[in-house]
Amino acid sequence: MTFYHYALFIFPAAAAVLGALGYVVFRNLYLMPLFVLLISAAGAFTLFNTGFLIAAPIYMVIAWFGGSAVILIKRGRGESW
């Protein structure tokens, strides 16, 4: 796999899963997207080039949507935490 496969498919899927798991574990919608942003920014400076910084905020938004999906699913089932 090339970097583009990771950037377009693997990393966004991982960000969504981390956002969902982060909300389930920490009960905080904003903690895991911030963590994903920090990891993506650190990866941009250490593993990839600085052009990867464009994708870092996008992955943060995807992680936020992953956490929001958990909230909507729980609300749809009538469960409250």
C-alpha atoms as a PDB file:
ATOM      1  CA  MET A   1       0.000   0.000   0.000  1.00  0.00           C
ATOM      2  CA  THR A   2       1.147   3.487  -0.723  1.00  0.00           C
ATOM      3  CA  PHE A   3       0.873   6.523   1.470  1.00  0.00           C
ATOM      4  CA  TYR A   4      -2.206   7.645  -0.448  1.00  0.00           C
ATOM      5  CA  HIS A   5      -4.074   4.484   0.473  1.00  0.00           C
ATOM      6  CA  TYR A   6      -3.306   5.111   4.125  1.00  0.00           C
ATOM      7  CA  ALA A   7      -4.211   8.810   3.934  1.00  0.00           C
ATOM      8  CA  LEU A   8      -7.496   8.217   2.100  1.00  0.00           C
ATOM      9  CA  PHE A   9      -8.789   5.012   3.674  1.00  0.00           C
ATOM     10  CA  ILE A  10      -6.927   3.694   6.717  1.00  0.00           C
ATOM     11  CA  PHE A  11      -6.293   6.895   8.699  1.00  0.00           C
ATOM     12  CA  PRO A  12      -9.853   8.301   8.351  1.00  0.00           C
ATOM     13  CA  ALA A  13     -11.355   4.952   9.363  1.00  0.00           C
ATOM     14  CA  ALA A  14      -9.008   4.784  12.342  1.00  0.00           C
ATOM     15  CA  ALA A  15      -9.937   8.352  13.313  1.00  0.00           C
ATOM     16  CA  ALA A  16     -13.658   7.525  13.247  1.00  0.00           C
ATOM     17  CA  VAL A  17     -13.148   4.392  15.341  1.00  0.00           C
ATOM     18  CA  LEU A  18     -10.951   6.264  17.818  1.00  0.00           C
ATOM     19  CA  GLY A  19     -13.561   9.008  18.104  1.00  0.00           C
ATOM     20  CA  ALA A  20     -16.301   6.479  18.827  1.00  0.00           C
ATOM     21  CA  LEU A  21     -14.212   4.508  21.314  1.00  0.00           C
ATOM     22  CA  GLY A  22     -13.022   7.705  22.942  1.00  0.00           C
ATOM     23  CA  TYR A  23     -16.575   8.779  23.647  1.00  0.00           C
ATOM     24  CA  VAL A  24     -17.525   5.357  24.993  1.00  0.00           C
ATOM     25  CA  VAL A  25     -14.514   5.201  27.319  1.00  0.00           C
ATOM     26  CA  PHE A  26     -14.109   8.819  28.451  1.00  0.00           C
ATOM     27  CA  ARG A  27     -17.681  10.150  27.973  1.00  0.00           C
ATOM     28  CA  ASN A  28     -16.167  13.282  26.481  1.00  0.00           C
ATOM     29  CA  LEU A  29     -16.845  14.257  22.886  1.00  0.00           C
ATOM     30  CA  TYR A  30     -13.844  16.573  22.528  1.00  0.00           C
ATOM     31  CA  LEU A  31     -11.011  14.608  24.135  1.00  0.00           C
ATOM     32  CA  MET A  32     -10.355  12.025  21.430  1.00  0.00           C
ATOM     33  CA  PRO A  33     -10.565  14.448  18.457  1.00  0.00           C
ATOM     34  CA  LEU A  34      -7.933  16.562  20.197  1.00  0.00           C
ATOM     35  CA  PHE A  35      -5.815  13.442  20.705  1.00  0.00           C
ATOM     36  CA  VAL A  36      -6.219  12.513  17.022  1.00  0.00           C
ATOM     37  CA  LEU A  37      -5.172  16.035  16.014  1.00  0.00           C
ATOM     38  CA  LEU A  38      -2.047  15.846  18.167  1.00  0.00           C
ATOM     39  CA  ILE A  39      -1.091  12.427  16.810  1.00  0.00           C
ATOM     40  CA  SER A  40      -1.673  13.564  13.215  1.00  0.00           C
ATOM     41  CA  ALA A  41       0.371  16.726  13.715  1.00  0.00           C
ATOM     42  CA  ALA A  42       3.195  14.752  15.334  1.00  0.00           C
ATOM     43  CA  GLY A  43       3.077  12.274  12.447  1.00  0.00           C
ATOM     44  CA  ALA A  44       3.254  15.129   9.961  1.00  0.00           C
ATOM     45  CA  PHE A  45       6.518  16.364  11.425  1.00  0.00           C
ATOM     46  CA  THR A  46       8.160  13.005  12.143  1.00  0.00           C
ATOM     47  CA  LEU A  47       6.931  10.385   9.656  1.00  0.00           C
ATOM     48  CA  PHE A  48       5.424  12.322   6.762  1.00  0.00           C
ATOM     49  CA  ASN A  49       6.056  15.711   5.209  1.00  0.00           C
ATOM     50  CA  THR A  50       4.404  18.938   6.345  1.00  0.00           C
ATOM     51  CA  GLY A  51       1.816  18.603   3.571  1.00  0.00           C
ATOM     52  CA  PHE A  52       0.180  16.024   5.815  1.00  0.00           C
ATOM     53  CA  LEU A  53      -0.789  18.913   8.126  1.00  0.00           C
ATOM     54  CA  ILE A  54      -3.676  19.599   5.767  1.00  0.00           C
ATOM     55  CA  ALA A  55      -5.168  16.204   6.651  1.00  0.00           C
ATOM     56  CA  ALA A  56      -4.710  16.554  10.423  1.00  0.00           C
ATOM     57  CA  PRO A  57      -7.750  18.831  11.016  1.00  0.00           C
ATOM     58  CA  ILE A  58      -9.806  16.690   8.651  1.00  0.00           C
ATOM     59  CA  TYR A  59      -9.032  13.607  10.731  1.00  0.00           C
ATOM     60  CA  MET A  60      -9.991  15.568  13.846  1.00  0.00           C
ATOM     61  CA  VAL A  61     -13.406  16.351  12.359  1.00  0.00           C
ATOM     62  CA  ILE A  62     -13.858  12.700  11.360  1.00  0.00           C
ATOM     63  CA  ALA A  63     -13.064  11.654  14.948  1.00  0.00           C
ATOM     64  CA  TRP A  64     -15.633  14.150  16.217  1.00  0.00           C
ATOM     65  CA  PHE A  65     -18.235  12.682  13.866  1.00  0.00           C
ATOM     66  CA  GLY A  66     -17.370   9.203  15.136  1.00  0.00           C
ATOM     67  CA  GLY A  67     -18.091  10.299  18.709  1.00  0.00           C
ATOM     68  CA  SER A  68     -21.251  12.083  17.622  1.00  0.00           C
ATOM     69  CA  ALA A  69     -22.471   8.920  15.907  1.00  0.00           C
ATOM     70  CA  VAL A  70     -22.240   7.068  19.224  1.00  0.00           C
ATOM     71  CA  ILE A  71     -24.299   9.789  20.887  1.00  0.00           C
ATOM     72  CA  LEU A  72     -26.958   9.600  18.165  1.00  0.00           C
ATOM     73  CA  ILE A  73     -27.116   5.806  18.345  1.00  0.00           C
ATOM     74  CA  LYS A  74     -27.498   5.853  22.118  1.00  0.00           C
ATOM     75  CA  ARG A  75     -30.157   8.566  21.927  1.00  0.00           C
ATOM     76  CA  GLY A  76     -32.033   6.625  19.237  1.00  0.00           C
ATOM     77  CA  ARG A  77     -32.143   3.548  21.456  1.00  0.00           C
ATOM     78  CA  GLY A  78     -33.412   5.600  24.364  1.00  0.00           C
ATOM     79  CA  GLU A  79     -30.381   4.823  26.507  1.00  0.00           C
ATOM     80  CA  SER A  80     -28.795   7.428  28.699  1.00  0.00           C
ATOM     81  CA  TRP A  81     -25.426   7.310  30.392  1.00  0.00           C
END
